[in-house]
PDB file of N, CA and C in Angstrom:
ATOM      1  N   MET A   1       0.524 -23.806 -48.358  1.00  0.00           N
ATOM      2  CA  MET A   1       1.510 -22.879 -47.840  1.00  0.00           C
ATOM      3  C   MET A   1       1.118 -22.469 -46.418  1.00  0.00           C
ATOM      4  N   GLU A   2       2.080 -22.506 -45.525  1.00  0.00           N
ATOM      5  CA  GLU A   2       1.819 -22.163 -44.138  1.00  0.00           C
ATOM      6  C   GLU A   2       2.054 -20.676 -43.900  1.00  0.00           C
ATOM      7  N   ASP A   3       1.240 -20.120 -43.001  1.00  0.00           N
ATOM      8  CA  ASP A   3       1.456 -18.737 -42.585  1.00  0.00           C
ATOM      9  C   ASP A   3       2.458 -18.740 -41.443  1.00  0.00           C
ATOM     10  N   HIS A   4       3.422 -17.876 -41.500  1.00  0.00           N
ATOM     11  CA  HIS A   4       4.421 -17.774 -40.445  1.00  0.00           C
ATOM     12  C   HIS A   4       4.282 -16.417 -39.764  1.00  0.00           C
ATOM     13  N   VAL A   5       4.370 -16.445 -38.476  1.00  0.00           N
ATOM     14  CA  VAL A   5       4.286 -15.208 -37.698  1.00  0.00           C
ATOM     15  C   VAL A   5       5.625 -14.982 -37.030  1.00  0.00           C
ATOM     16  N   VAL A   6       6.146 -13.807 -37.199  1.00  0.00           N
ATOM     17  CA  VAL A   6       7.407 -13.459 -36.572  1.00  0.00           C
ATOM     18  C   VAL A   6       7.092 -12.646 -35.323  1.00  0.00           C
ATOM     19  N   LEU A   7       7.559 -13.115 -34.191  1.00  0.00           N
ATOM     20  CA  LEU A   7       7.338 -12.406 -32.938  1.00  0.00           C
ATOM     21  C   LEU A   7       8.604 -11.671 -32.536  1.00  0.00           C
ATOM     22  N   ASN A   8       8.464 -10.420 -32.256  1.00  0.00           N
ATOM     23  CA  ASN A   8       9.583  -9.624 -31.770  1.00  0.00           C
ATOM     24  C   ASN A   8       9.359  -9.314 -30.297  1.00  0.00           C
ATOM     25  N   ASN A   9      10.435  -9.101 -29.595  1.00  0.00           N
ATOM     26  CA  ASN A   9      10.335  -8.721 -28.197  1.00  0.00           C
ATOM     27  C   ASN A   9       9.663  -7.358 -28.106  1.00  0.00           C
ATOM     28  N   GLN A  10       8.508  -7.296 -27.456  1.00  0.00           N
ATOM     29  CA  GLN A  10       7.740  -6.063 -27.362  1.00  0.00           C
ATOM     30  C   GLN A  10       8.066  -5.257 -26.108  1.00  0.00           C
ATOM     31  N   THR A  11       8.978  -5.736 -25.311  1.00  0.00           N
ATOM     32  CA  THR A  11       9.340  -5.037 -24.087  1.00  0.00           C
ATOM     33  C   THR A  11      10.299  -3.897 -24.414  1.00  0.00           C
ATOM     34  N   PRO A  12       9.882  -2.646 -24.111  1.00  0.00           N
ATOM     35  CA  PRO A  12      10.779  -1.529 -24.419  1.00  0.00           C
ATOM     36  C   PRO A  12      11.994  -1.537 -23.500  1.00  0.00           C
ATOM     37  N   LYS A  13      13.092  -1.064 -24.022  1.00  0.00           N
ATOM     38  CA  LYS A  13      14.308  -0.937 -23.234  1.00  0.00           C
ATOM     39  C   LYS A  13      14.241   0.351 -22.429  1.00  0.00           C
ATOM     40  N   LEU A  14      15.049   0.447 -21.408  1.00  0.00           N
ATOM     41  CA  LEU A  14      15.087   1.641 -20.579  1.00  0.00           C
ATOM     42  C   LEU A  14      15.344   2.858 -21.456  1.00  0.00           C
ATOM     43  N   GLY A  15      14.492   3.858 -21.329  1.00  0.00           N
ATOM     44  CA  GLY A  15      14.626   5.063 -22.123  1.00  0.00           C
ATOM     45  C   GLY A  15      13.765   5.061 -23.368  1.00  0.00           C
ATOM     46  N   GLU A  16      13.210   3.911 -23.734  1.00  0.00           N
ATOM     47  CA  GLU A  16      12.340   3.830 -24.891  1.00  0.00           C
ATOM     48  C   GLU A  16      10.885   3.864 -24.424  1.00  0.00           C
ATOM     49  N   GLY A  17      10.017   4.313 -25.258  1.00  0.00           N
ATOM     50  CA  GLY A  17       8.600   4.320 -24.917  1.00  0.00           C
ATOM     51  C   GLY A  17       8.210   5.579 -24.176  1.00  0.00           C
ATOM     52  N   ASP A  18       6.929   5.672 -23.889  1.00  0.00           N
ATOM     53  CA  ASP A  18       6.380   6.878 -23.263  1.00  0.00           C
ATOM     54  C   ASP A  18       6.607   6.931 -21.753  1.00  0.00           C
ATOM     55  N   THR A  19       6.599   5.794 -21.107  1.00  0.00           N
ATOM     56  CA  THR A  19       6.703   5.793 -19.646  1.00  0.00           C
ATOM     57  C   THR A  19       7.633   4.694 -19.181  1.00  0.00           C
ATOM     58  N   LEU A  20       8.118   4.866 -17.993  1.00  0.00           N
ATOM     59  CA  LEU A  20       8.902   3.823 -17.354  1.00  0.00           C
ATOM     60  C   LEU A  20       7.956   2.935 -16.560  1.00  0.00           C
ATOM     61  N   PRO A  21       8.362   1.724 -16.253  1.00  0.00           N
ATOM     62  CA  PRO A  21       7.495   0.867 -15.453  1.00  0.00           C
ATOM     63  C   PRO A  21       7.250   1.499 -14.089  1.00  0.00           C
ATOM     64  N   PRO A  22       6.098   1.206 -13.482  1.00  0.00           N
ATOM     65  CA  PRO A  22       5.814   1.800 -12.173  1.00  0.00           C
ATOM     66  C   PRO A  22       6.840   1.371 -11.137  1.00  0.00           C
ATOM     67  N   ARG A  23       7.199   2.306 -10.274  1.00  0.00           N
ATOM     68  CA  ARG A  23       8.142   1.993  -9.197  1.00  0.00           C
ATOM     69  C   ARG A  23       7.371   1.433  -8.017  1.00  0.00           C
ATOM     70  N   ARG A  24       7.951   0.488  -7.369  1.00  0.00           N
ATOM     71  CA  ARG A  24       7.328  -0.086  -6.182  1.00  0.00           C
ATOM     72  C   ARG A  24       8.033   0.462  -4.958  1.00  0.00           C
ATOM     73  N   LEU A  25       7.223   0.919  -4.038  1.00  0.00           N
ATOM     74  CA  LEU A  25       7.758   1.442  -2.791  1.00  0.00           C
ATOM     75  C   LEU A  25       7.622   0.352  -1.751  1.00  0.00           C
ATOM     76  N   ASN A  26       8.703  -0.016  -1.150  1.00  0.00           N
ATOM     77  CA  ASN A  26       8.678  -1.056  -0.142  1.00  0.00           C
ATOM     78  C   ASN A  26       8.394  -0.424   1.209  1.00  0.00           C
ATOM     79  N   LEU A  27       7.181  -0.615   1.716  1.00  0.00           N
ATOM     80  CA  LEU A  27       6.802  -0.074   3.007  1.00  0.00           C
ATOM     81  C   LEU A  27       6.961  -1.139   4.075  1.00  0.00           C
ATOM     82  N   GLU A  28       7.586  -0.782   5.137  1.00  0.00           N
ATOM     83  CA  GLU A  28       7.668  -1.690   6.268  1.00  0.00           C
ATOM     84  C   GLU A  28       6.549  -1.309   7.221  1.00  0.00           C
ATOM     85  N   LEU A  29       5.580  -2.201   7.361  1.00  0.00           N
ATOM     86  CA  LEU A  29       4.426  -1.914   8.197  1.00  0.00           C
ATOM     87  C   LEU A  29       4.771  -2.076   9.666  1.00  0.00           C
ATOM     88  N   PRO A  30       4.252  -1.188  10.507  1.00  0.00           N
ATOM     89  CA  PRO A  30       4.432  -1.363  11.949  1.00  0.00           C
ATOM     90  C   PRO A  30       3.845  -2.714  12.379  1.00  0.00           C
ATOM     91  N   GLN A  31       4.495  -3.371  13.321  1.00  0.00           N
ATOM     92  CA  GLN A  31       4.093  -4.716  13.732  1.00  0.00           C
ATOM     93  C   GLN A  31       2.633  -4.769  14.185  1.00  0.00           C
ATOM     94  N   GLY A  32       2.190  -3.775  14.941  1.00  0.00           N
ATOM     95  CA  GLY A  32       0.804  -3.763  15.410  1.00  0.00           C
ATOM     96  C   GLY A  32      -0.188  -3.691  14.274  1.00  0.00           C
ATOM     97  N   LEU A  33       0.104  -2.861  13.278  1.00  0.00           N
ATOM     98  CA  LEU A  33      -0.778  -2.744  12.122  1.00  0.00           C
ATOM     99  C   LEU A  33      -0.766  -4.030  11.313  1.00  0.00           C
ATOM    100  N   LEU A  34       0.404  -4.596  11.115  1.00  0.00           N
ATOM    101  CA  LEU A  34       0.533  -5.822  10.335  1.00  0.00           C
ATOM    102  C   LEU A  34      -0.272  -6.962  10.960  1.00  0.00           C
ATOM    103  N   SER A  35      -0.129  -7.151  12.264  1.00  0.00           N
ATOM    104  CA  SER A  35      -0.858  -8.240  12.917  1.00  0.00           C
ATOM    105  C   SER A  35      -2.358  -7.971  12.941  1.00  0.00           C
ATOM    106  N   SER A  36      -2.754  -6.711  13.087  1.00  0.00           N
ATOM    107  CA  SER A  36      -4.180  -6.380  13.067  1.00  0.00           C
ATOM    108  C   SER A  36      -4.786  -6.610  11.687  1.00  0.00           C
ATOM    109  N   LEU A  37      -4.060  -6.251  10.635  1.00  0.00           N
ATOM    110  CA  LEU A  37      -4.545  -6.484   9.279  1.00  0.00           C
ATOM    111  C   LEU A  37      -4.705  -7.974   9.000  1.00  0.00           C
ATOM    112  N   ALA A  38      -3.818  -8.772   9.570  1.00  0.00           N
ATOM    113  CA  ALA A  38      -3.895 -10.219   9.376  1.00  0.00           C
ATOM    114  C   ALA A  38      -5.170 -10.797   9.984  1.00  0.00           C
ATOM    115  N   LEU A  39      -5.713 -10.134  10.993  1.00  0.00           N
ATOM    116  CA  LEU A  39      -6.911 -10.621  11.671  1.00  0.00           C
ATOM    117  C   LEU A  39      -8.205 -10.031  11.112  1.00  0.00           C
ATOM    118  N   SER A  40      -8.105  -9.072  10.204  1.00  0.00           N
ATOM    119  CA  SER A  40      -9.294  -8.400   9.677  1.00  0.00           C
ATOM    120  C   SER A  40      -9.275  -8.375   8.151  1.00  0.00           C
ATOM    121  N   PRO A  41      -9.957  -9.326   7.526  1.00  0.00           N
ATOM    122  CA  PRO A  41      -9.987  -9.362   6.065  1.00  0.00           C
ATOM    123  C   PRO A  41     -10.564  -8.081   5.441  1.00  0.00           C
ATOM    124  N   GLU A  42     -11.547  -7.477   6.113  1.00  0.00           N
ATOM    125  CA  GLU A  42     -12.150  -6.245   5.584  1.00  0.00           C
ATOM    126  C   GLU A  42     -11.115  -5.132   5.527  1.00  0.00           C
ATOM    127  N   ALA A  43     -10.425  -4.917   6.632  1.00  0.00           N
ATOM    128  CA  ALA A  43      -9.417  -3.863   6.699  1.00  0.00           C
ATOM    129  C   ALA A  43      -8.255  -4.167   5.756  1.00  0.00           C
ATOM    130  N   ALA A  44      -7.839  -5.421   5.724  1.00  0.00           N
ATOM    131  CA  ALA A  44      -6.716  -5.806   4.847  1.00  0.00           C
ATOM    132  C   ALA A  44      -7.066  -5.572   3.386  1.00  0.00           C
ATOM    133  N   GLY A  45      -8.293  -5.895   2.995  1.00  0.00           N
ATOM    134  CA  GLY A  45      -8.717  -5.691   1.617  1.00  0.00           C
ATOM    135  C   GLY A  45      -8.773  -4.213   1.259  1.00  0.00           C
ATOM    136  N   PHE A  46      -9.286  -3.407   2.189  1.00  0.00           N
ATOM    137  CA  PHE A  46      -9.356  -1.971   1.948  1.00  0.00           C
ATOM    138  C   PHE A  46      -7.952  -1.384   1.846  1.00  0.00           C
ATOM    139  N   PHE A  47      -7.065  -1.784   2.768  1.00  0.00           N
ATOM    140  CA  PHE A  47      -5.686  -1.304   2.778  1.00  0.00           C
ATOM    141  C   PHE A  47      -4.967  -1.687   1.487  1.00  0.00           C
ATOM    142  N   ALA A  48      -5.156  -2.922   1.056  1.00  0.00           N
ATOM    143  CA  ALA A  48      -4.481  -3.402  -0.159  1.00  0.00           C
ATOM    144  C   ALA A  48      -4.941  -2.642  -1.402  1.00  0.00           C
ATOM    145  N   GLY A  49      -6.163  -2.147  -1.392  1.00  0.00           N
ATOM    146  CA  GLY A  49      -6.681  -1.423  -2.533  1.00  0.00           C
ATOM    147  C   GLY A  49      -6.254   0.034  -2.606  1.00  0.00           C
ATOM    148  N   LEU A  50      -5.599   0.515  -1.561  1.00  0.00           N
ATOM    149  CA  LEU A  50      -5.150   1.908  -1.530  1.00  0.00           C
ATOM    150  C   LEU A  50      -3.882   2.083  -2.351  1.00  0.00           C
ATOM    151  N   ASP A  51      -3.680   3.293  -2.835  1.00  0.00           N
ATOM    152  CA  ASP A  51      -2.446   3.561  -3.578  1.00  0.00           C
ATOM    153  C   ASP A  51      -1.274   3.629  -2.597  1.00  0.00           C
ATOM    154  N   THR A  52      -0.085   3.507  -3.131  1.00  0.00           N
ATOM    155  CA  THR A  52       1.127   3.451  -2.315  1.00  0.00           C
ATOM    156  C   THR A  52       1.291   4.690  -1.447  1.00  0.00           C
ATOM    157  N   GLU A  53       0.964   5.848  -1.984  1.00  0.00           N
ATOM    158  CA  GLU A  53       1.113   7.088  -1.220  1.00  0.00           C
ATOM    159  C   GLU A  53       0.204   7.092   0.006  1.00  0.00           C
ATOM    160  N   THR A  54      -1.030   6.661  -0.156  1.00  0.00           N
ATOM    161  CA  THR A  54      -1.968   6.634   0.970  1.00  0.00           C
ATOM    162  C   THR A  54      -1.538   5.608   2.009  1.00  0.00           C
ATOM    163  N   ARG A  55      -1.077   4.450   1.564  1.00  0.00           N
ATOM    164  CA  ARG A  55      -0.569   3.452   2.521  1.00  0.00           C
ATOM    165  C   ARG A  55       0.626   4.026   3.288  1.00  0.00           C
ATOM    166  N   GLY A  56       1.478   4.773   2.607  1.00  0.00           N
ATOM    167  CA  GLY A  56       2.611   5.418   3.272  1.00  0.00           C
ATOM    168  C   GLY A  56       2.162   6.446   4.290  1.00  0.00           C
ATOM    169  N   GLN A  57       1.073   7.166   3.999  1.00  0.00           N
ATOM    170  CA  GLN A  57       0.534   8.135   4.952  1.00  0.00           C
ATOM    171  C   GLN A  57       0.026   7.442   6.207  1.00  0.00           C
ATOM    172  N   ILE A  58      -0.582   6.277   6.042  1.00  0.00           N
ATOM    173  CA  ILE A  58      -1.071   5.521   7.198  1.00  0.00           C
ATOM    174  C   ILE A  58       0.098   5.076   8.062  1.00  0.00           C
ATOM    175  N   VAL A  59       1.141   4.567   7.434  1.00  0.00           N
ATOM    176  CA  VAL A  59       2.330   4.137   8.181  1.00  0.00           C
ATOM    177  C   VAL A  59       2.950   5.334   8.896  1.00  0.00           C
ATOM    178  N   ALA A  60       3.073   6.458   8.214  1.00  0.00           N
ATOM    179  CA  ALA A  60       3.649   7.661   8.828  1.00  0.00           C
ATOM    180  C   ALA A  60       2.783   8.149   9.983  1.00  0.00           C
ATOM    181  N   TYR A  61       1.468   8.058   9.840  1.00  0.00           N
ATOM    182  CA  TYR A  61       0.541   8.455  10.911  1.00  0.00           C
ATOM    183  C   TYR A  61       0.829   7.660  12.180  1.00  0.00           C
ATOM    184  N   ILE A  62       1.043   6.372  12.032  1.00  0.00           N
ATOM    185  CA  ILE A  62       1.309   5.513  13.187  1.00  0.00           C
ATOM    186  C   ILE A  62       2.713   5.744  13.733  1.00  0.00           C
ATOM    187  N   GLN A  63       3.689   5.886  12.862  1.00  0.00           N
ATOM    188  CA  GLN A  63       5.078   5.985  13.308  1.00  0.00           C
ATOM    189  C   GLN A  63       5.480   7.371  13.799  1.00  0.00           C
ATOM    190  N   SER A  64       4.692   8.390  13.519  1.00  0.00           N
ATOM    191  CA  SER A  64       5.077   9.750  13.926  1.00  0.00           C
ATOM    192  C   SER A  64       4.599  10.056  15.340  1.00  0.00           C
ATOM    193  N   THR A  65       4.904   9.174  16.244  1.00  0.00           N
ATOM    194  CA  THR A  65       4.540   9.329  17.651  1.00  0.00           C
ATOM    195  C   THR A  65       5.797   9.318  18.498  1.00  0.00           C
ATOM    196  N   VAL A  66       5.625   9.736  19.738  1.00  0.00           N
ATOM    197  CA  VAL A  66       6.760   9.786  20.646  1.00  0.00           C
ATOM    198  C   VAL A  66       6.885   8.502  21.467  1.00  0.00           C
ATOM    199  N   THR A  67       5.742   7.951  21.875  1.00  0.00           N
ATOM    200  CA  THR A  67       5.784   6.770  22.739  1.00  0.00           C
ATOM    201  C   THR A  67       5.155   5.563  22.047  1.00  0.00           C
ATOM    202  N   GLY A  68       5.475   4.414  22.561  1.00  0.00           N
ATOM    203  CA  GLY A  68       4.891   3.179  22.050  1.00  0.00           C
ATOM    204  C   GLY A  68       3.391   3.133  22.269  1.00  0.00           C
ATOM    205  N   GLU A  69       2.929   3.684  23.395  1.00  0.00           N
ATOM    206  CA  GLU A  69       1.492   3.696  23.671  1.00  0.00           C
ATOM    207  C   GLU A  69       0.748   4.558  22.658  1.00  0.00           C
ATOM    208  N   GLU A  70       1.341   5.687  22.286  1.00  0.00           N
ATOM    209  CA  GLU A  70       0.730   6.534  21.252  1.00  0.00           C
ATOM    210  C   GLU A  70       0.649   5.785  19.921  1.00  0.00           C
ATOM    211  N   ALA A  71       1.705   5.079  19.583  1.00  0.00           N
ATOM    212  CA  ALA A  71       1.718   4.314  18.334  1.00  0.00           C
ATOM    213  C   ALA A  71       0.644   3.232  18.358  1.00  0.00           C
ATOM    214  N   ARG A  72       0.489   2.542  19.489  1.00  0.00           N
ATOM    215  CA  ARG A  72      -0.542   1.514  19.598  1.00  0.00           C
ATOM    216  C   ARG A  72      -1.937   2.118  19.483  1.00  0.00           C
ATOM    217  N   ALA A  73      -2.133   3.292  20.097  1.00  0.00           N
ATOM    218  CA  ALA A  73      -3.434   3.962  20.011  1.00  0.00           C
ATOM    219  C   ALA A  73      -3.733   4.370  18.566  1.00  0.00           C
ATOM    220  N   ARG A  74      -2.727   4.869  17.876  1.00  0.00           N
ATOM    221  CA  ARG A  74      -2.935   5.262  16.474  1.00  0.00           C
ATOM    222  C   ARG A  74      -3.170   4.044  15.588  1.00  0.00           C
ATOM    223  N   ALA A  75      -2.508   2.939  15.888  1.00  0.00           N
ATOM    224  CA  ALA A  75      -2.740   1.714  15.113  1.00  0.00           C
ATOM    225  C   ALA A  75      -4.185   1.245  15.310  1.00  0.00           C
ATOM    226  N   ARG A  76      -4.692   1.336  16.552  1.00  0.00           N
ATOM    227  CA  ARG A  76      -6.086   0.963  16.811  1.00  0.00           C
ATOM    228  C   ARG A  76      -7.043   1.885  16.050  1.00  0.00           C
ATOM    229  N   THR A  77      -6.757   3.202  16.087  1.00  0.00           N
ATOM    230  CA  THR A  77      -7.593   4.167  15.373  1.00  0.00           C
ATOM    231  C   THR A  77      -7.562   3.902  13.871  1.00  0.00           C
ATOM    232  N   ALA A  78      -6.386   3.622  13.348  1.00  0.00           N
ATOM    233  CA  ALA A  78      -6.255   3.333  11.919  1.00  0.00           C
ATOM    234  C   ALA A  78      -7.052   2.079  11.554  1.00  0.00           C
ATOM    235  N   MET A  79      -6.978   1.054  12.379  1.00  0.00           N
ATOM    236  CA  MET A  79      -7.714  -0.177  12.107  1.00  0.00           C
ATOM    237  C   MET A  79      -9.217   0.064  12.130  1.00  0.00           C
ATOM    238  N   GLU A  80      -9.694   0.863  13.047  1.00  0.00           N
ATOM    239  CA  GLU A  80     -11.126   1.171  13.085  1.00  0.00           C
ATOM    240  C   GLU A  80     -11.549   1.842  11.782  1.00  0.00           C
ATOM    241  N   GLY A  81     -10.730   2.783  11.316  1.00  0.00           N
ATOM    242  CA  GLY A  81     -11.033   3.457  10.058  1.00  0.00           C
ATOM    243  C   GLY A  81     -10.973   2.512   8.873  1.00  0.00           C
ATOM    244  N   LEU A  82      -9.930   1.697   8.801  1.00  0.00           N
ATOM    245  CA  LEU A  82      -9.770   0.773   7.684  1.00  0.00           C
ATOM    246  C   LEU A  82     -10.899  -0.254   7.642  1.00  0.00           C
ATOM    247  N   GLU A  83     -11.312  -0.740   8.807  1.00  0.00           N
ATOM    248  CA  GLU A  83     -12.405  -1.711   8.848  1.00  0.00           C
ATOM    249  C   GLU A  83     -13.714  -1.090   8.364  1.00  0.00           C
ATOM    250  N   ALA A  84     -13.872   0.221   8.582  1.00  0.00           N
ATOM    251  CA  ALA A  84     -15.076   0.920   8.144  1.00  0.00           C
ATOM    252  C   ALA A  84     -14.930   1.495   6.731  1.00  0.00           C
ATOM    253  N   GLY A  85     -13.747   1.316   6.131  1.00  0.00           N
ATOM    254  CA  GLY A  85     -13.516   1.841   4.786  1.00  0.00           C
ATOM    255  C   GLY A  85     -13.362   3.354   4.762  1.00  0.00           C
ATOM    256  N   ARG A  86     -12.821   3.908   5.842  1.00  0.00           N
ATOM    257  CA  ARG A  86     -12.650   5.358   5.961  1.00  0.00           C
ATOM    258  C   ARG A  86     -11.184   5.704   6.178  1.00  0.00           C
ATOM    259  N   LEU A  87     -10.825   6.924   5.777  1.00  0.00           N
ATOM    260  CA  LEU A  87      -9.472   7.415   5.999  1.00  0.00           C
ATOM    261  C   LEU A  87      -9.481   8.746   6.764  1.00  0.00           C
ATOM    262  N   ASP A  88     -10.611   9.097   7.354  1.00  0.00           N
ATOM    263  CA  ASP A  88     -10.713  10.383   8.035  1.00  0.00           C
ATOM    264  C   ASP A  88      -9.766  10.509   9.224  1.00  0.00           C
ATOM    265  N   PHE A  89      -9.296   9.397   9.762  1.00  0.00           N
ATOM    266  CA  PHE A  89      -8.351   9.448  10.878  1.00  0.00           C
ATOM    267  C   PHE A  89      -7.040  10.118  10.481  1.00  0.00           C
ATOM    268  N   LEU A  90      -6.724  10.126   9.207  1.00  0.00           N
ATOM    269  CA  LEU A  90      -5.483  10.759   8.738  1.00  0.00           C
ATOM    270  C   LEU A  90      -5.552  12.289   8.841  1.00  0.00           C
ATOM    271  N   HIS A  91      -6.753  12.839   8.943  1.00  0.00           N
ATOM    272  CA  HIS A  91      -6.931  14.288   8.910  1.00  0.00           C
ATOM    273  C   HIS A  91      -7.326  14.867  10.258  1.00  0.00           C
ATOM    274  N   LYS A  92      -7.185  14.102  11.321  1.00  0.00           N
ATOM    275  CA  LYS A  92      -7.537  14.608  12.660  1.00  0.00           C
ATOM    276  C   LYS A  92      -6.351  15.221  13.325  1.00  0.00           C
TER     277      LYS A  92
END
């Protein structure tokens, strides 16, 4: 006699279960930060390991400037911090 296993769909429907699936926030990275991350595996790895909220704070830090030169300076500062595994630049 063979044993038979019945498999049911274990994926809960919307509204069922304790939690909803995590939401993904689509962040558009500033071009300077994106290209700098592409050139620095250390910074890119550190950035990728951050939670979505912290990554959003970094983007907001860079984008909350008045001039393009300010944004470039903040992108450089952010990259220095990310390469060193620090986020203290967000609190200056």
